[in-house]
Amino acid sequence: MADPLFDQPGLEVDVAQLAEALERDAVTLIDVREPYEWEAGRIPGAVHVALGELGSRASEIDRERPVVFQCRVGGRSGMAAQAFREAGFDAWSLRGGLLDWAAAGQPLVPEGGTVADH
């Protein structure tokens, strides 16, 4: 596993930490929501891999790069982060998910995107 990007206990990072890491291109962001949720609105730069596809697509994720998983509120991304951490990844979950990201005034794409109900 690479040196941890976020030097803290636990599995969660907050909106400010993720925004700063994305600005520096220091992290891979994976949105684990369903396709209809992804289409409604997403974080710029995120890669979409629905939670149910993560196991079969894990080999596509760079083990040498920190990864943050994100969903609507943090439940699904927390499960993904835990599983990937146990598999040796520097894995994290966005605390509060896309709801907290949008509430903090961070951008969504497409412009005017929304946070779909799950």
N, C-alpha and C. Protein backbone atom coordinates (compact mmCIF):
# COMPACT_ATOMS: atom_id res chain seq x y z
N MET A 1 0.85 -1.18 0.00
CA MET A 1 0.00 0.00 0.00
C MET A 1 0.89 1.24 0.00
N ALA A 2 0.49 2.25 -0.73
CA ALA A 2 1.22 3.51 -0.78
C ALA A 2 1.13 4.22 0.57
N ASP A 3 1.96 5.24 0.78
CA ASP A 3 1.85 6.04 2.00
C ASP A 3 0.45 6.62 2.07
N PRO A 4 -0.17 6.58 3.24
CA PRO A 4 -1.53 7.11 3.35
C PRO A 4 -1.58 8.61 3.01
N LEU A 5 -2.54 8.99 2.20
CA LEU A 5 -2.74 10.39 1.86
C LEU A 5 -3.33 11.14 3.05
N PHE A 6 -4.25 10.50 3.72
CA PHE A 6 -4.92 11.11 4.86
C PHE A 6 -4.39 10.45 6.13
N ASP A 7 -3.55 11.14 6.87
CA ASP A 7 -2.91 10.58 8.05
C ASP A 7 -3.84 10.75 9.25
N GLN A 8 -4.81 9.85 9.37
CA GLN A 8 -5.79 9.93 10.45
C GLN A 8 -6.42 8.56 10.65
N PRO A 9 -6.99 8.32 11.83
CA PRO A 9 -7.66 7.04 12.06
C PRO A 9 -9.00 6.98 11.33
N GLY A 10 -9.53 5.78 11.23
CA GLY A 10 -10.85 5.62 10.64
C GLY A 10 -10.80 5.46 9.14
N LEU A 11 -12.00 5.47 8.56
CA LEU A 11 -12.15 5.25 7.12
C LEU A 11 -12.68 6.47 6.38
N GLU A 12 -13.06 7.52 7.11
CA GLU A 12 -13.75 8.63 6.46
C GLU A 12 -12.88 9.87 6.29
N VAL A 13 -13.11 10.55 5.17
CA VAL A 13 -12.54 11.87 4.93
C VAL A 13 -13.70 12.83 4.75
N ASP A 14 -13.46 14.10 5.01
CA ASP A 14 -14.54 15.07 4.85
C ASP A 14 -14.46 15.76 3.49
N VAL A 15 -15.45 16.59 3.23
CA VAL A 15 -15.55 17.28 1.94
C VAL A 15 -14.30 18.11 1.66
N ALA A 16 -13.83 18.87 2.63
CA ALA A 16 -12.65 19.73 2.41
C ALA A 16 -11.42 18.90 2.07
N GLN A 17 -11.23 17.79 2.77
CA GLN A 17 -10.07 16.92 2.49
C GLN A 17 -10.14 16.36 1.07
N LEU A 18 -11.33 15.90 0.68
CA LEU A 18 -11.47 15.34 -0.67
C LEU A 18 -11.28 16.41 -1.73
N ALA A 19 -11.87 17.57 -1.54
CA ALA A 19 -11.73 18.65 -2.52
C ALA A 19 -10.26 19.01 -2.73
N GLU A 20 -9.50 19.09 -1.64
CA GLU A 20 -8.08 19.44 -1.74
C GLU A 20 -7.31 18.33 -2.46
N ALA A 21 -7.61 17.08 -2.14
CA ALA A 21 -6.92 15.96 -2.79
C ALA A 21 -7.25 15.89 -4.28
N LEU A 22 -8.50 16.16 -4.64
CA LEU A 22 -8.88 16.17 -6.06
C LEU A 22 -8.19 17.30 -6.80
N GLU A 23 -8.09 18.45 -6.16
CA GLU A 23 -7.43 19.59 -6.79
C GLU A 23 -5.97 19.28 -7.11
N ARG A 24 -5.33 18.49 -6.25
CA ARG A 24 -3.93 18.10 -6.46
C ARG A 24 -3.81 16.83 -7.29
N ASP A 25 -4.91 16.27 -7.75
CA ASP A 25 -4.92 15.01 -8.49
C ASP A 25 -4.18 13.92 -7.71
N ALA A 26 -4.45 13.87 -6.40
CA ALA A 26 -3.74 12.96 -5.51
C ALA A 26 -4.55 11.73 -5.13
N VAL A 27 -5.74 11.58 -5.69
CA VAL A 27 -6.63 10.51 -5.28
C VAL A 27 -7.51 10.08 -6.45
N THR A 28 -7.91 8.81 -6.43
CA THR A 28 -8.93 8.33 -7.37
C THR A 28 -10.25 8.34 -6.63
N LEU A 29 -11.27 8.97 -7.21
CA LEU A 29 -12.60 9.03 -6.61
C LEU A 29 -13.52 8.08 -7.35
N ILE A 30 -14.12 7.15 -6.62
CA ILE A 30 -15.03 6.18 -7.23
C ILE A 30 -16.42 6.36 -6.64
N ASP A 31 -17.37 6.64 -7.50
CA ASP A 31 -18.78 6.81 -7.15
C ASP A 31 -19.45 5.45 -7.25
N VAL A 32 -19.92 4.91 -6.12
CA VAL A 32 -20.48 3.56 -6.10
C VAL A 32 -22.01 3.54 -6.19
N ARG A 33 -22.61 4.66 -6.54
CA ARG A 33 -24.07 4.72 -6.64
C ARG A 33 -24.56 4.01 -7.90
N GLU A 34 -25.88 3.88 -7.98
CA GLU A 34 -26.51 3.26 -9.14
C GLU A 34 -26.44 4.21 -10.34
N PRO A 35 -26.57 3.66 -11.57
CA PRO A 35 -26.47 4.51 -12.76
C PRO A 35 -27.43 5.70 -12.78
N TYR A 36 -28.68 5.53 -12.35
CA TYR A 36 -29.62 6.66 -12.37
C TYR A 36 -29.17 7.77 -11.42
N GLU A 37 -28.53 7.40 -10.31
CA GLU A 37 -28.03 8.40 -9.37
C GLU A 37 -26.85 9.15 -9.98
N TRP A 38 -25.97 8.41 -10.64
CA TRP A 38 -24.79 8.98 -11.32
C TRP A 38 -25.22 9.99 -12.37
N GLU A 39 -26.23 9.64 -13.15
CA GLU A 39 -26.69 10.53 -14.22
C GLU A 39 -27.27 11.83 -13.69
N ALA A 40 -27.90 11.79 -12.51
CA ALA A 40 -28.54 12.98 -11.95
C ALA A 40 -27.53 14.04 -11.54
N GLY A 41 -26.38 13.61 -11.05
CA GLY A 41 -25.36 14.55 -10.61
C GLY A 41 -24.22 13.81 -9.95
N ARG A 42 -23.00 14.30 -10.16
CA ARG A 42 -21.81 13.62 -9.64
C ARG A 42 -20.69 14.63 -9.42
N ILE A 43 -19.68 14.18 -8.69
CA ILE A 43 -18.51 15.01 -8.42
C ILE A 43 -17.61 15.00 -9.66
N PRO A 44 -17.17 16.18 -10.12
CA PRO A 44 -16.27 16.21 -11.28
C PRO A 44 -15.03 15.35 -11.03
N GLY A 45 -14.69 14.55 -12.02
CA GLY A 45 -13.51 13.70 -11.93
C GLY A 45 -13.76 12.32 -11.37
N ALA A 46 -14.97 12.07 -10.89
CA ALA A 46 -15.29 10.75 -10.33
C ALA A 46 -15.39 9.71 -11.43
N VAL A 47 -15.09 8.48 -11.05
CA VAL A 47 -15.25 7.31 -11.93
C VAL A 47 -16.45 6.54 -11.39
N HIS A 48 -17.32 6.08 -12.28
CA HIS A 48 -18.50 5.35 -11.83
C HIS A 48 -18.28 3.85 -11.87
N VAL A 49 -18.39 3.21 -10.70
CA VAL A 49 -18.39 1.76 -10.59
C VAL A 49 -19.44 1.45 -9.52
N ALA A 50 -20.62 1.01 -9.95
CA ALA A 50 -21.68 0.71 -8.99
C ALA A 50 -21.20 -0.32 -7.97
N LEU A 51 -21.69 -0.23 -6.75
CA LEU A 51 -21.25 -1.10 -5.67
C LEU A 51 -21.28 -2.57 -6.07
N GLY A 52 -22.32 -2.99 -6.76
CA GLY A 52 -22.45 -4.39 -7.17
C GLY A 52 -21.41 -4.84 -8.19
N GLU A 53 -20.72 -3.90 -8.83
CA GLU A 53 -19.70 -4.22 -9.83
C GLU A 53 -18.27 -4.15 -9.29
N LEU A 54 -18.12 -3.65 -8.06
CA LEU A 54 -16.77 -3.41 -7.53
C LEU A 54 -15.91 -4.66 -7.50
N GLY A 55 -16.48 -5.77 -7.06
CA GLY A 55 -15.70 -7.00 -6.97
C GLY A 55 -15.12 -7.42 -8.30
N SER A 56 -15.93 -7.37 -9.34
CA SER A 56 -15.48 -7.82 -10.66
C SER A 56 -14.58 -6.80 -11.35
N ARG A 57 -14.57 -5.56 -10.86
CA ARG A 57 -13.76 -4.52 -11.50
C ARG A 57 -12.60 -4.03 -10.63
N ALA A 58 -12.36 -4.71 -9.52
CA ALA A 58 -11.31 -4.29 -8.58
C ALA A 58 -9.94 -4.21 -9.24
N SER A 59 -9.68 -5.08 -10.21
CA SER A 59 -8.37 -5.09 -10.86
C SER A 59 -8.12 -3.81 -11.67
N GLU A 60 -9.16 -3.04 -11.95
CA GLU A 60 -9.02 -1.79 -12.69
C GLU A 60 -8.53 -0.64 -11.80
N ILE A 61 -8.54 -0.84 -10.49
CA ILE A 61 -8.22 0.22 -9.54
C ILE A 61 -6.75 0.12 -9.14
N ASP A 62 -6.03 1.22 -9.28
CA ASP A 62 -4.60 1.29 -8.99
C ASP A 62 -4.34 1.16 -7.49
N ARG A 63 -3.66 0.10 -7.08
CA ARG A 63 -3.35 -0.14 -5.66
C ARG A 63 -2.35 0.87 -5.11
N GLU A 64 -1.60 1.52 -5.97
CA GLU A 64 -0.56 2.45 -5.53
C GLU A 64 -1.08 3.87 -5.36
N ARG A 65 -2.35 4.07 -5.60
CA ARG A 65 -2.93 5.41 -5.52
C ARG A 65 -4.06 5.38 -4.48
N PRO A 66 -4.13 6.37 -3.58
CA PRO A 66 -5.25 6.40 -2.64
C PRO A 66 -6.58 6.46 -3.39
N VAL A 67 -7.58 5.81 -2.83
CA VAL A 67 -8.90 5.79 -3.45
C VAL A 67 -9.94 6.21 -2.41
N VAL A 68 -10.84 7.09 -2.84
CA VAL A 68 -11.97 7.50 -2.00
C VAL A 68 -13.23 7.02 -2.69
N PHE A 69 -14.06 6.31 -1.94
CA PHE A 69 -15.35 5.87 -2.44
C PHE A 69 -16.41 6.86 -1.96
N GLN A 70 -17.42 7.06 -2.79
CA GLN A 70 -18.45 8.05 -2.50
C GLN A 70 -19.79 7.51 -2.95
N CYS A 71 -20.83 7.77 -2.14
CA CYS A 71 -22.21 7.44 -2.51
C CYS A 71 -23.09 8.61 -2.10
N ARG A 72 -24.36 8.38 -1.87
CA ARG A 72 -25.27 9.48 -1.53
C ARG A 72 -25.01 10.02 -0.13
N VAL A 73 -24.92 9.13 0.88
CA VAL A 73 -24.75 9.59 2.27
C VAL A 73 -23.58 8.94 2.99
N GLY A 74 -22.99 7.90 2.45
CA GLY A 74 -21.81 7.29 3.06
C GLY A 74 -21.92 5.83 3.43
N GLY A 75 -23.11 5.25 3.39
CA GLY A 75 -23.26 3.84 3.76
C GLY A 75 -22.60 2.88 2.79
N ARG A 76 -22.95 2.99 1.53
CA ARG A 76 -22.37 2.10 0.52
C ARG A 76 -20.88 2.34 0.36
N SER A 77 -20.48 3.60 0.37
CA SER A 77 -19.05 3.89 0.21
C SER A 77 -18.26 3.41 1.42
N GLY A 78 -18.86 3.44 2.60
CA GLY A 78 -18.19 2.92 3.78
C GLY A 78 -17.91 1.43 3.67
N MET A 79 -18.89 0.68 3.15
CA MET A 79 -18.70 -0.76 2.94
C MET A 79 -17.58 -1.01 1.94
N ALA A 80 -17.58 -0.23 0.85
CA ALA A 80 -16.54 -0.38 -0.18
C ALA A 80 -15.17 -0.06 0.39
N ALA A 81 -15.06 1.03 1.13
CA ALA A 81 -13.77 1.42 1.70
C ALA A 81 -13.25 0.36 2.66
N GLN A 82 -14.12 -0.19 3.48
CA GLN A 82 -13.71 -1.23 4.43
C GLN A 82 -13.18 -2.45 3.68
N ALA A 83 -13.91 -2.91 2.67
CA ALA A 83 -13.49 -4.09 1.91
C ALA A 83 -12.16 -3.85 1.20
N PHE A 84 -12.00 -2.68 0.60
CA PHE A 84 -10.77 -2.39 -0.13
C PHE A 84 -9.60 -2.16 0.83
N ARG A 85 -9.85 -1.58 1.99
CA ARG A 85 -8.79 -1.43 2.99
C ARG A 85 -8.31 -2.81 3.42
N GLU A 86 -9.25 -3.73 3.66
CA GLU A 86 -8.88 -5.09 4.07
C GLU A 86 -8.09 -5.81 2.98
N ALA A 87 -8.30 -5.40 1.72
CA ALA A 87 -7.58 -6.00 0.59
C ALA A 87 -6.24 -5.30 0.32
N GLY A 88 -5.87 -4.34 1.17
CA GLY A 88 -4.56 -3.71 1.03
C GLY A 88 -4.53 -2.37 0.34
N PHE A 89 -5.68 -1.81 0.02
CA PHE A 89 -5.73 -0.49 -0.62
C PHE A 89 -5.69 0.61 0.43
N ASP A 90 -5.20 1.79 0.04
CA ASP A 90 -5.31 3.00 0.85
C ASP A 90 -6.68 3.57 0.53
N ALA A 91 -7.72 3.03 1.18
CA ALA A 91 -9.11 3.29 0.81
C ALA A 91 -9.84 4.09 1.88
N TRP A 92 -10.71 4.98 1.41
CA TRP A 92 -11.44 5.90 2.28
C TRP A 92 -12.87 6.05 1.77
N SER A 93 -13.72 6.61 2.62
CA SER A 93 -15.11 6.91 2.27
C SER A 93 -15.36 8.39 2.54
N LEU A 94 -16.12 9.03 1.65
CA LEU A 94 -16.48 10.43 1.85
C LEU A 94 -17.58 10.53 2.90
N ARG A 95 -17.27 11.13 4.04
CA ARG A 95 -18.24 11.31 5.12
C ARG A 95 -19.40 12.18 4.63
N GLY A 96 -20.61 11.68 4.79
CA GLY A 96 -21.79 12.43 4.38
C GLY A 96 -22.10 12.34 2.91
N GLY A 97 -21.23 11.70 2.14
CA GLY A 97 -21.47 11.45 0.72
C GLY A 97 -21.74 12.69 -0.11
N LEU A 98 -22.44 12.46 -1.20
CA LEU A 98 -22.74 13.53 -2.14
C LEU A 98 -23.63 14.59 -1.51
N LEU A 99 -24.47 14.21 -0.54
CA LEU A 99 -25.30 15.21 0.12
C LEU A 99 -24.44 16.27 0.81
N ASP A 100 -23.41 15.85 1.55
CA ASP A 100 -22.53 16.81 2.21
C ASP A 100 -21.72 17.61 1.20
N TRP A 101 -21.27 16.94 0.13
CA TRP A 101 -20.51 17.62 -0.93
C TRP A 101 -21.34 18.77 -1.51
N ALA A 102 -22.58 18.48 -1.88
CA ALA A 102 -23.45 19.50 -2.47
C ALA A 102 -23.81 20.58 -1.45
N ALA A 103 -24.07 20.19 -0.20
CA ALA A 103 -24.42 21.16 0.84
C ALA A 103 -23.27 22.13 1.11
N ALA A 104 -22.04 21.69 0.88
CA ALA A 104 -20.87 22.55 1.08
C ALA A 104 -20.63 23.48 -0.10
N GLY A 105 -21.49 23.40 -1.12
CA GLY A 105 -21.35 24.28 -2.28
C GLY A 105 -20.32 23.82 -3.28
N GLN A 106 -19.89 22.57 -3.17
CA GLN A 106 -18.92 22.02 -4.13
C GLN A 106 -19.63 21.73 -5.46
N PRO A 107 -18.90 21.72 -6.57
CA PRO A 107 -19.53 21.55 -7.88
C PRO A 107 -20.04 20.13 -8.14
N LEU A 108 -21.09 20.08 -8.94
CA LEU A 108 -21.63 18.82 -9.47
C LEU A 108 -21.64 18.93 -10.99
N VAL A 109 -21.52 17.80 -11.65
CA VAL A 109 -21.74 17.74 -13.09
C VAL A 109 -22.85 16.73 -13.33
N PRO A 110 -23.67 16.94 -14.35
CA PRO A 110 -23.67 18.13 -15.20
C PRO A 110 -24.01 19.38 -14.38
N GLU A 111 -23.71 20.54 -14.96
CA GLU A 111 -24.02 21.79 -14.27
C GLU A 111 -25.50 21.78 -13.90
N GLY A 112 -25.80 22.13 -12.69
CA GLY A 112 -27.18 22.08 -12.22
C GLY A 112 -27.60 20.69 -11.79
N GLY A 113 -26.63 19.76 -11.69
CA GLY A 113 -26.93 18.40 -11.28
C GLY A 113 -27.53 18.35 -9.88
N THR A 114 -28.16 17.23 -9.58
CA THR A 114 -28.82 17.05 -8.29
C THR A 114 -28.35 15.76 -7.63
N VAL A 115 -28.73 15.60 -6.38
CA VAL A 115 -28.45 14.37 -5.64
C VAL A 115 -29.72 13.54 -5.68
N ALA A 116 -29.70 12.46 -6.45
CA ALA A 116 -30.88 11.61 -6.61
C ALA A 116 -31.14 10.81 -5.35
N ASP A 117 -32.42 10.54 -5.09
CA ASP A 117 -32.78 9.64 -3.99
C ASP A 117 -32.32 8.24 -4.33
N HIS A 118 -32.00 7.48 -3.29
CA HIS A 118 -31.56 6.09 -3.49
C HIS A 118 -32.73 5.17 -3.31
